[in-house]
Amino acid sequence: MIKIYSTNWCPSCNWAKKFLDDKNIKYKEINIEEINMSRKDLQSLTGGSTVPQIVINGKSIGGYDNLLKLNNNGKLMKLIKE
């Protein structure tokens, strides 16, 4: 399962979702503003306080740039299938 912690105003959040949508990869979006999650709580949960924070099968990978790096290194699909 992939979770993307996001906000409405975050361009990188939209890029990450579009990237996954284009690859037909399912994810659950969690808008931290809609659920009133603080940045401190986000950091406690994911290890990062910026958005997006992407978690794949319980492993926090960071943001959009890290998502692209995993894909470019051929590691994204392996991580998703774990």
PDB file of N, CA and C in Angstrom:
ATOM      1  N   MET A   1       0.836  -1.175   0.000  1.00  0.00           N
ATOM      2  CA  MET A   1       0.000   0.000   0.000  1.00  0.00           C
ATOM      3  C   MET A   1       0.883   1.241   0.000  1.00  0.00           C
ATOM      4  N   ILE A   2       0.493   2.210  -0.797  1.00  0.00           N
ATOM      5  CA  ILE A   2       1.194   3.489  -0.871  1.00  0.00           C
ATOM      6  C   ILE A   2       0.299   4.560  -0.256  1.00  0.00           C
ATOM      7  N   LYS A   3       0.882   5.354   0.621  1.00  0.00           N
ATOM      8  CA  LYS A   3       0.184   6.494   1.205  1.00  0.00           C
ATOM      9  C   LYS A   3       0.959   7.753   0.854  1.00  0.00           C
ATOM     10  N   ILE A   4       0.221   8.776   0.432  1.00  0.00           N
ATOM     11  CA  ILE A   4       0.821  10.080   0.158  1.00  0.00           C
ATOM     12  C   ILE A   4       0.195  11.088   1.113  1.00  0.00           C
ATOM     13  N   TYR A   5       1.017  11.635   1.985  1.00  0.00           N
ATOM     14  CA  TYR A   5       0.576  12.693   2.885  1.00  0.00           C
ATOM     15  C   TYR A   5       0.770  14.004   2.139  1.00  0.00           C
ATOM     16  N   SER A   6      -0.319  14.760   1.988  1.00  0.00           N
ATOM     17  CA  SER A   6      -0.301  15.912   1.087  1.00  0.00           C
ATOM     18  C   SER A   6      -1.070  17.093   1.663  1.00  0.00           C
ATOM     19  N   THR A   7      -1.059  18.187   0.899  1.00  0.00           N
ATOM     20  CA  THR A   7      -1.918  19.349   1.138  1.00  0.00           C
ATOM     21  C   THR A   7      -2.509  19.752  -0.210  1.00  0.00           C
ATOM     22  N   ASN A   8      -3.509  20.625  -0.166  1.00  0.00           N
ATOM     23  CA  ASN A   8      -4.141  21.080  -1.410  1.00  0.00           C
ATOM     24  C   ASN A   8      -3.238  21.991  -2.233  1.00  0.00           C
ATOM     25  N   TRP A   9      -2.352  22.726  -1.587  1.00  0.00           N
ATOM     26  CA  TRP A   9      -1.565  23.766  -2.254  1.00  0.00           C
ATOM     27  C   TRP A   9      -0.195  23.299  -2.728  1.00  0.00           C
ATOM     28  N   CYS A  10       0.138  22.045  -2.544  1.00  0.00           N
ATOM     29  CA  CYS A  10       1.490  21.537  -2.782  1.00  0.00           C
ATOM     30  C   CYS A  10       1.678  21.032  -4.222  1.00  0.00           C
ATOM     31  N   PRO A  11       2.484  21.723  -5.049  1.00  0.00           N
ATOM     32  CA  PRO A  11       2.718  21.256  -6.420  1.00  0.00           C
ATOM     33  C   PRO A  11       3.382  19.879  -6.477  1.00  0.00           C
ATOM     34  N   SER A  12       4.343  19.634  -5.600  1.00  0.00           N
ATOM     35  CA  SER A  12       5.030  18.334  -5.620  1.00  0.00           C
ATOM     36  C   SER A  12       4.089  17.192  -5.269  1.00  0.00           C
ATOM     37  N   CYS A  13       3.092  17.479  -4.444  1.00  0.00           N
ATOM     38  CA  CYS A  13       2.080  16.462  -4.121  1.00  0.00           C
ATOM     39  C   CYS A  13       1.317  16.083  -5.392  1.00  0.00           C
ATOM     40  N   ASN A  14       0.923  17.095  -6.150  1.00  0.00           N
ATOM     41  CA  ASN A  14       0.196  16.845  -7.399  1.00  0.00           C
ATOM     42  C   ASN A  14       1.065  16.101  -8.401  1.00  0.00           C
ATOM     43  N   TRP A  15       2.345  16.440  -8.465  1.00  0.00           N
ATOM     44  CA  TRP A  15       3.252  15.751  -9.390  1.00  0.00           C
ATOM     45  C   TRP A  15       3.401  14.283  -8.997  1.00  0.00           C
ATOM     46  N   ALA A  16       3.521  14.020  -7.694  1.00  0.00           N
ATOM     47  CA  ALA A  16       3.661  12.637  -7.227  1.00  0.00           C
ATOM     48  C   ALA A  16       2.407  11.833  -7.554  1.00  0.00           C
ATOM     49  N   LYS A  17       1.239  12.422  -7.323  1.00  0.00           N
ATOM     50  CA  LYS A  17      -0.015  11.717  -7.625  1.00  0.00           C
ATOM     51  C   LYS A  17      -0.150  11.475  -9.126  1.00  0.00           C
ATOM     52  N   LYS A  18       0.192  12.470  -9.941  1.00  0.00           N
ATOM     53  CA  LYS A  18       0.115  12.298 -11.399  1.00  0.00           C
ATOM     54  C   LYS A  18       1.083  11.218 -11.862  1.00  0.00           C
ATOM     55  N   PHE A  19       2.283  11.202 -11.306  1.00  0.00           N
ATOM     56  CA  PHE A  19       3.272  10.185 -11.651  1.00  0.00           C
ATOM     57  C   PHE A  19       2.707   8.789 -11.390  1.00  0.00           C
ATOM     58  N   LEU A  20       2.138   8.588 -10.211  1.00  0.00           N
ATOM     59  CA  LEU A  20       1.575   7.278  -9.872  1.00  0.00           C
ATOM     60  C   LEU A  20       0.342   6.974 -10.721  1.00  0.00           C
ATOM     61  N   ASP A  21      -0.511   7.977 -10.939  1.00  0.00           N
ATOM     62  CA  ASP A  21      -1.690   7.784 -11.795  1.00  0.00           C
ATOM     63  C   ASP A  21      -1.280   7.357 -13.201  1.00  0.00           C
ATOM     64  N   ASP A  22      -0.265   8.009 -13.754  1.00  0.00           N
ATOM     65  CA  ASP A  22       0.194   7.685 -15.108  1.00  0.00           C
ATOM     66  C   ASP A  22       0.724   6.263 -15.209  1.00  0.00           C
ATOM     67  N   LYS A  23       1.212   5.721 -14.099  1.00  0.00           N
ATOM     68  CA  LYS A  23       1.719   4.350 -14.074  1.00  0.00           C
ATOM     69  C   LYS A  23       0.661   3.358 -13.582  1.00  0.00           C
ATOM     70  N   ASN A  24      -0.566   3.849 -13.380  1.00  0.00           N
ATOM     71  CA  ASN A  24      -1.666   3.023 -12.865  1.00  0.00           C
ATOM     72  C   ASN A  24      -1.313   2.352 -11.544  1.00  0.00           C
ATOM     73  N   ILE A  25      -0.617   3.086 -10.688  1.00  0.00           N
ATOM     74  CA  ILE A  25      -0.253   2.592  -9.365  1.00  0.00           C
ATOM     75  C   ILE A  25      -1.228   3.207  -8.363  1.00  0.00           C
ATOM     76  N   LYS A  26      -1.906   2.356  -7.617  1.00  0.00           N
ATOM     77  CA  LYS A  26      -2.901   2.826  -6.653  1.00  0.00           C
ATOM     78  C   LYS A  26      -2.215   3.357  -5.399  1.00  0.00           C
ATOM     79  N   TYR A  27      -2.833   4.353  -4.803  1.00  0.00           N
ATOM     80  CA  TYR A  27      -2.320   4.949  -3.575  1.00  0.00           C
ATOM     81  C   TYR A  27      -3.481   5.526  -2.786  1.00  0.00           C
ATOM     82  N   LYS A  28      -3.228   5.784  -1.517  1.00  0.00           N
ATOM     83  CA  LYS A  28      -4.203   6.456  -0.668  1.00  0.00           C
ATOM     84  C   LYS A  28      -3.639   7.828  -0.337  1.00  0.00           C
ATOM     85  N   GLU A  29      -4.405   8.862  -0.641  1.00  0.00           N
ATOM     86  CA  GLU A  29      -3.979  10.218  -0.312  1.00  0.00           C
ATOM     87  C   GLU A  29      -4.535  10.607   1.049  1.00  0.00           C
ATOM     88  N   ILE A  30      -3.675  11.163   1.877  1.00  0.00           N
ATOM     89  CA  ILE A  30      -4.082  11.659   3.183  1.00  0.00           C
ATOM     90  C   ILE A  30      -3.731  13.140   3.225  1.00  0.00           C
ATOM     91  N   ASN A  31      -4.759  13.976   3.145  1.00  0.00           N
ATOM     92  CA  ASN A  31      -4.558  15.422   3.164  1.00  0.00           C
ATOM     93  C   ASN A  31      -4.408  15.848   4.620  1.00  0.00           C
ATOM     94  N   ILE A  32      -3.211  16.264   4.997  1.00  0.00           N
ATOM     95  CA  ILE A  32      -2.938  16.548   6.406  1.00  0.00           C
ATOM     96  C   ILE A  32      -3.715  17.763   6.913  1.00  0.00           C
ATOM     97  N   GLU A  33      -4.095  18.665   6.024  1.00  0.00           N
ATOM     98  CA  GLU A  33      -4.882  19.824   6.449  1.00  0.00           C
ATOM     99  C   GLU A  33      -6.322  19.428   6.739  1.00  0.00           C
ATOM    100  N   GLU A  34      -6.859  18.521   5.941  1.00  0.00           N
ATOM    101  CA  GLU A  34      -8.243  18.098   6.140  1.00  0.00           C
ATOM    102  C   GLU A  34      -8.425  17.307   7.428  1.00  0.00           C
ATOM    103  N   ILE A  35      -7.375  16.619   7.863  1.00  0.00           N
ATOM    104  CA  ILE A  35      -7.487  15.847   9.107  1.00  0.00           C
ATOM    105  C   ILE A  35      -6.798  16.560  10.277  1.00  0.00           C
ATOM    106  N   ASN A  36      -6.383  17.812  10.039  1.00  0.00           N
ATOM    107  CA  ASN A  36      -5.738  18.633  11.074  1.00  0.00           C
ATOM    108  C   ASN A  36      -4.506  17.970  11.678  1.00  0.00           C
ATOM    109  N   MET A  37      -3.693  17.346  10.840  1.00  0.00           N
ATOM    110  CA  MET A  37      -2.437  16.755  11.299  1.00  0.00           C
ATOM    111  C   MET A  37      -1.364  17.837  11.307  1.00  0.00           C
ATOM    112  N   SER A  38      -0.670  17.960  12.414  1.00  0.00           N
ATOM    113  CA  SER A  38       0.397  18.959  12.508  1.00  0.00           C
ATOM    114  C   SER A  38       1.648  18.445  11.801  1.00  0.00           C
ATOM    115  N   ARG A  39       2.538  19.370  11.473  1.00  0.00           N
ATOM    116  CA  ARG A  39       3.820  18.984  10.864  1.00  0.00           C
ATOM    117  C   ARG A  39       4.622  18.116  11.832  1.00  0.00           C
ATOM    118  N   LYS A  40       4.492  18.400  13.119  1.00  0.00           N
ATOM    119  CA  LYS A  40       5.182  17.601  14.134  1.00  0.00           C
ATOM    120  C   LYS A  40       4.668  16.157  14.113  1.00  0.00           C
ATOM    121  N   ASP A  41       3.351  16.002  14.012  1.00  0.00           N
ATOM    122  CA  ASP A  41       2.768  14.656  13.942  1.00  0.00           C
ATOM    123  C   ASP A  41       3.182  13.952  12.653  1.00  0.00           C
ATOM    124  N   LEU A  42       3.229  14.707  11.551  1.00  0.00           N
ATOM    125  CA  LEU A  42       3.663  14.136  10.278  1.00  0.00           C
ATOM    126  C   LEU A  42       5.095  13.636  10.391  1.00  0.00           C
ATOM    127  N   GLN A  43       5.948  14.430  11.021  1.00  0.00           N
ATOM    128  CA  GLN A  43       7.342  14.027  11.174  1.00  0.00           C
ATOM    129  C   GLN A  43       7.468  12.800  12.073  1.00  0.00           C
ATOM    130  N   SER A  44       6.681  12.738  13.122  1.00  0.00           N
ATOM    131  CA  SER A  44       6.709  11.562  14.001  1.00  0.00           C
ATOM    132  C   SER A  44       6.289  10.308  13.247  1.00  0.00           C
ATOM    133  N   LEU A  45       5.328  10.463  12.348  1.00  0.00           N
ATOM    134  CA  LEU A  45       4.789   9.324  11.608  1.00  0.00           C
ATOM    135  C   LEU A  45       5.676   8.887  10.451  1.00  0.00           C
ATOM    136  N   THR A  46       6.247   9.867   9.728  1.00  0.00           N
ATOM    137  CA  THR A  46       6.956   9.540   8.484  1.00  0.00           C
ATOM    138  C   THR A  46       8.451   9.835   8.513  1.00  0.00           C
ATOM    139  N   GLY A  47       8.884  10.617   9.479  1.00  0.00           N
ATOM    140  CA  GLY A  47      10.281  11.025   9.514  1.00  0.00           C
ATOM    141  C   GLY A  47      10.543  12.324   8.777  1.00  0.00           C
ATOM    142  N   GLY A  48       9.536  12.872   8.125  1.00  0.00           N
ATOM    143  CA  GLY A  48       9.678  14.122   7.386  1.00  0.00           C
ATOM    144  C   GLY A  48       8.553  15.079   7.722  1.00  0.00           C
ATOM    145  N   SER A  49       8.838  16.376   7.657  1.00  0.00           N
ATOM    146  CA  SER A  49       7.812  17.365   7.998  1.00  0.00           C
ATOM    147  C   SER A  49       7.314  18.147   6.790  1.00  0.00           C
ATOM    148  N   THR A  50       7.865  17.872   5.611  1.00  0.00           N
ATOM    149  CA  THR A  50       7.417  18.553   4.396  1.00  0.00           C
ATOM    150  C   THR A  50       6.455  17.642   3.641  1.00  0.00           C
ATOM    151  N   VAL A  51       5.715  18.227   2.720  1.00  0.00           N
ATOM    152  CA  VAL A  51       4.824  17.428   1.878  1.00  0.00           C
ATOM    153  C   VAL A  51       5.308  17.496   0.440  1.00  0.00           C
ATOM    154  N   PRO A  52       5.101  16.426  -0.319  1.00  0.00           N
ATOM    155  CA  PRO A  52       4.477  15.186   0.125  1.00  0.00           C
ATOM    156  C   PRO A  52       5.440  14.331   0.938  1.00  0.00           C
ATOM    157  N   GLN A  53       4.878  13.491   1.759  1.00  0.00           N
ATOM    158  CA  GLN A  53       5.611  12.398   2.382  1.00  0.00           C
ATOM    159  C   GLN A  53       4.968  11.135   1.841  1.00  0.00           C
ATOM    160  N   ILE A  54       5.780  10.261   1.294  1.00  0.00           N
ATOM    161  CA  ILE A  54       5.282   9.054   0.638  1.00  0.00           C
ATOM    162  C   ILE A  54       5.758   7.846   1.424  1.00  0.00           C
ATOM    163  N   VAL A  55       4.814   6.974   1.738  1.00  0.00           N
ATOM    164  CA  VAL A  55       5.108   5.759   2.489  1.00  0.00           C
ATOM    165  C   VAL A  55       4.680   4.579   1.626  1.00  0.00           C
ATOM    166  N   ILE A  56       5.613   3.661   1.385  1.00  0.00           N
ATOM    167  CA  ILE A  56       5.333   2.479   0.568  1.00  0.00           C
ATOM    168  C   ILE A  56       5.501   1.245   1.439  1.00  0.00           C
ATOM    169  N   ASN A  57       4.412   0.528   1.617  1.00  0.00           N
ATOM    170  CA  ASN A  57       4.414  -0.686   2.445  1.00  0.00           C
ATOM    171  C   ASN A  57       5.078  -0.456   3.794  1.00  0.00           C
ATOM    172  N   GLY A  58       4.730   0.655   4.420  1.00  0.00           N
ATOM    173  CA  GLY A  58       5.230   0.973   5.746  1.00  0.00           C
ATOM    174  C   GLY A  58       6.599   1.624   5.785  1.00  0.00           C
ATOM    175  N   LYS A  59       7.250   1.769   4.633  1.00  0.00           N
ATOM    176  CA  LYS A  59       8.581   2.378   4.579  1.00  0.00           C
ATOM    177  C   LYS A  59       8.470   3.789   4.013  1.00  0.00           C
ATOM    178  N   SER A  60       8.890   4.768   4.804  1.00  0.00           N
ATOM    179  CA  SER A  60       8.862   6.156   4.356  1.00  0.00           C
ATOM    180  C   SER A  60      10.007   6.391   3.378  1.00  0.00           C
ATOM    181  N   ILE A  61       9.660   6.928   2.197  1.00  0.00           N
ATOM    182  CA  ILE A  61      10.698   7.185   1.192  1.00  0.00           C
ATOM    183  C   ILE A  61      10.986   8.670   1.030  1.00  0.00           C
ATOM    184  N   GLY A  62      10.242   9.523   1.716  1.00  0.00           N
ATOM    185  CA  GLY A  62      10.427  10.962   1.559  1.00  0.00           C
ATOM    186  C   GLY A  62       9.434  11.520   0.560  1.00  0.00           C
ATOM    187  N   GLY A  63       9.905  12.433  -0.285  1.00  0.00           N
ATOM    188  CA  GLY A  63       9.016  13.154  -1.182  1.00  0.00           C
ATOM    189  C   GLY A  63       9.102  12.748  -2.637  1.00  0.00           C
ATOM    190  N   TYR A  64       8.629  13.656  -3.478  1.00  0.00           N
ATOM    191  CA  TYR A  64       8.520  13.412  -4.917  1.00  0.00           C
ATOM    192  C   TYR A  64       9.867  13.097  -5.557  1.00  0.00           C
ATOM    193  N   ASP A  65      10.910  13.845  -5.196  1.00  0.00           N
ATOM    194  CA  ASP A  65      12.234  13.595  -5.784  1.00  0.00           C
ATOM    195  C   ASP A  65      12.712  12.176  -5.497  1.00  0.00           C
ATOM    196  N   ASN A  66      12.472  11.715  -4.286  1.00  0.00           N
ATOM    197  CA  ASN A  66      12.882  10.350  -3.937  1.00  0.00           C
ATOM    198  C   ASN A  66      12.057   9.309  -4.685  1.00  0.00           C
ATOM    199  N   LEU A  67      10.787   9.617  -4.931  1.00  0.00           N
ATOM    200  CA  LEU A  67       9.939   8.725  -5.721  1.00  0.00           C
ATOM    201  C   LEU A  67      10.526   8.561  -7.123  1.00  0.00           C
ATOM    202  N   LEU A  68      10.937   9.675  -7.726  1.00  0.00           N
ATOM    203  CA  LEU A  68      11.540   9.618  -9.061  1.00  0.00           C
ATOM    204  C   LEU A  68      12.865   8.869  -9.050  1.00  0.00           C
ATOM    205  N   LYS A  69      13.684   9.102  -8.025  1.00  0.00           N
ATOM    206  CA  LYS A  69      14.969   8.396  -7.926  1.00  0.00           C
ATOM    207  C   LYS A  69      14.763   6.893  -7.841  1.00  0.00           C
ATOM    208  N   LEU A  70      13.810   6.465  -7.017  1.00  0.00           N
ATOM    209  CA  LEU A  70      13.524   5.032  -6.914  1.00  0.00           C
ATOM    210  C   LEU A  70      13.091   4.467  -8.261  1.00  0.00           C
ATOM    211  N   ASN A  71      12.268   5.220  -8.975  1.00  0.00           N
ATOM    212  CA  ASN A  71      11.816   4.763 -10.287  1.00  0.00           C
ATOM    213  C   ASN A  71      12.982   4.687 -11.266  1.00  0.00           C
ATOM    214  N   ASN A  72      13.803   5.722 -11.296  1.00  0.00           N
ATOM    215  CA  ASN A  72      14.921   5.766 -12.240  1.00  0.00           C
ATOM    216  C   ASN A  72      15.976   4.710 -11.945  1.00  0.00           C
ATOM    217  N   ASN A  73      16.091   4.305 -10.686  1.00  0.00           N
ATOM    218  CA  ASN A  73      17.041   3.259 -10.297  1.00  0.00           C
ATOM    219  C   ASN A  73      16.457   1.857 -10.418  1.00  0.00           C
ATOM    220  N   GLY A  74      15.197   1.765 -10.864  1.00  0.00           N
ATOM    221  CA  GLY A  74      14.560   0.464 -11.009  1.00  0.00           C
ATOM    222  C   GLY A  74      14.141  -0.170  -9.694  1.00  0.00           C
ATOM    223  N   LYS A  75      14.066   0.620  -8.636  1.00  0.00           N
ATOM    224  CA  LYS A  75      13.754   0.068  -7.319  1.00  0.00           C
ATOM    225  C   LYS A  75      12.307   0.291  -6.883  1.00  0.00           C
ATOM    226  N   LEU A  76      11.588   1.161  -7.573  1.00  0.00           N
ATOM    227  CA  LEU A  76      10.234   1.502  -7.150  1.00  0.00           C
ATOM    228  C   LEU A  76       9.311   0.292  -7.183  1.00  0.00           C
ATOM    229  N   MET A  77       9.263  -0.395  -8.298  1.00  0.00           N
ATOM    230  CA  MET A  77       8.340  -1.530  -8.415  1.00  0.00           C
ATOM    231  C   MET A  77       8.717  -2.648  -7.450  1.00  0.00           C
ATOM    232  N   LYS A  78      10.004  -2.838  -7.207  1.00  0.00           N
ATOM    233  CA  LYS A  78      10.436  -3.850  -6.235  1.00  0.00           C
ATOM    234  C   LYS A  78       9.916  -3.506  -4.850  1.00  0.00           C
ATOM    235  N   LEU A  79      10.015  -2.238  -4.484  1.00  0.00           N
ATOM    236  CA  LEU A  79       9.549  -1.800  -3.180  1.00  0.00           C
ATOM    237  C   LEU A  79       8.034  -1.947  -3.063  1.00  0.00           C
ATOM    238  N   ILE A  80       7.319  -1.629  -4.127  1.00  0.00           N
ATOM    239  CA  ILE A  80       5.862  -1.752  -4.119  1.00  0.00           C
ATOM    240  C   ILE A  80       5.445  -3.208  -3.962  1.00  0.00           C
ATOM    241  N   LYS A  81       6.181  -4.117  -4.568  1.00  0.00           N
ATOM    242  CA  LYS A  81       5.820  -5.541  -4.534  1.00  0.00           C
ATOM    243  C   LYS A  81       6.227  -6.247  -3.256  1.00  0.00           C
ATOM    244  N   GLU A  82       7.025  -5.589  -2.404  1.00  0.00           N
ATOM    245  CA  GLU A  82       7.455  -6.218  -1.144  1.00  0.00           C
ATOM    246  C   GLU A  82       6.295  -6.457  -0.220  1.00  0.00           C
TER     247      GLU A  82
END
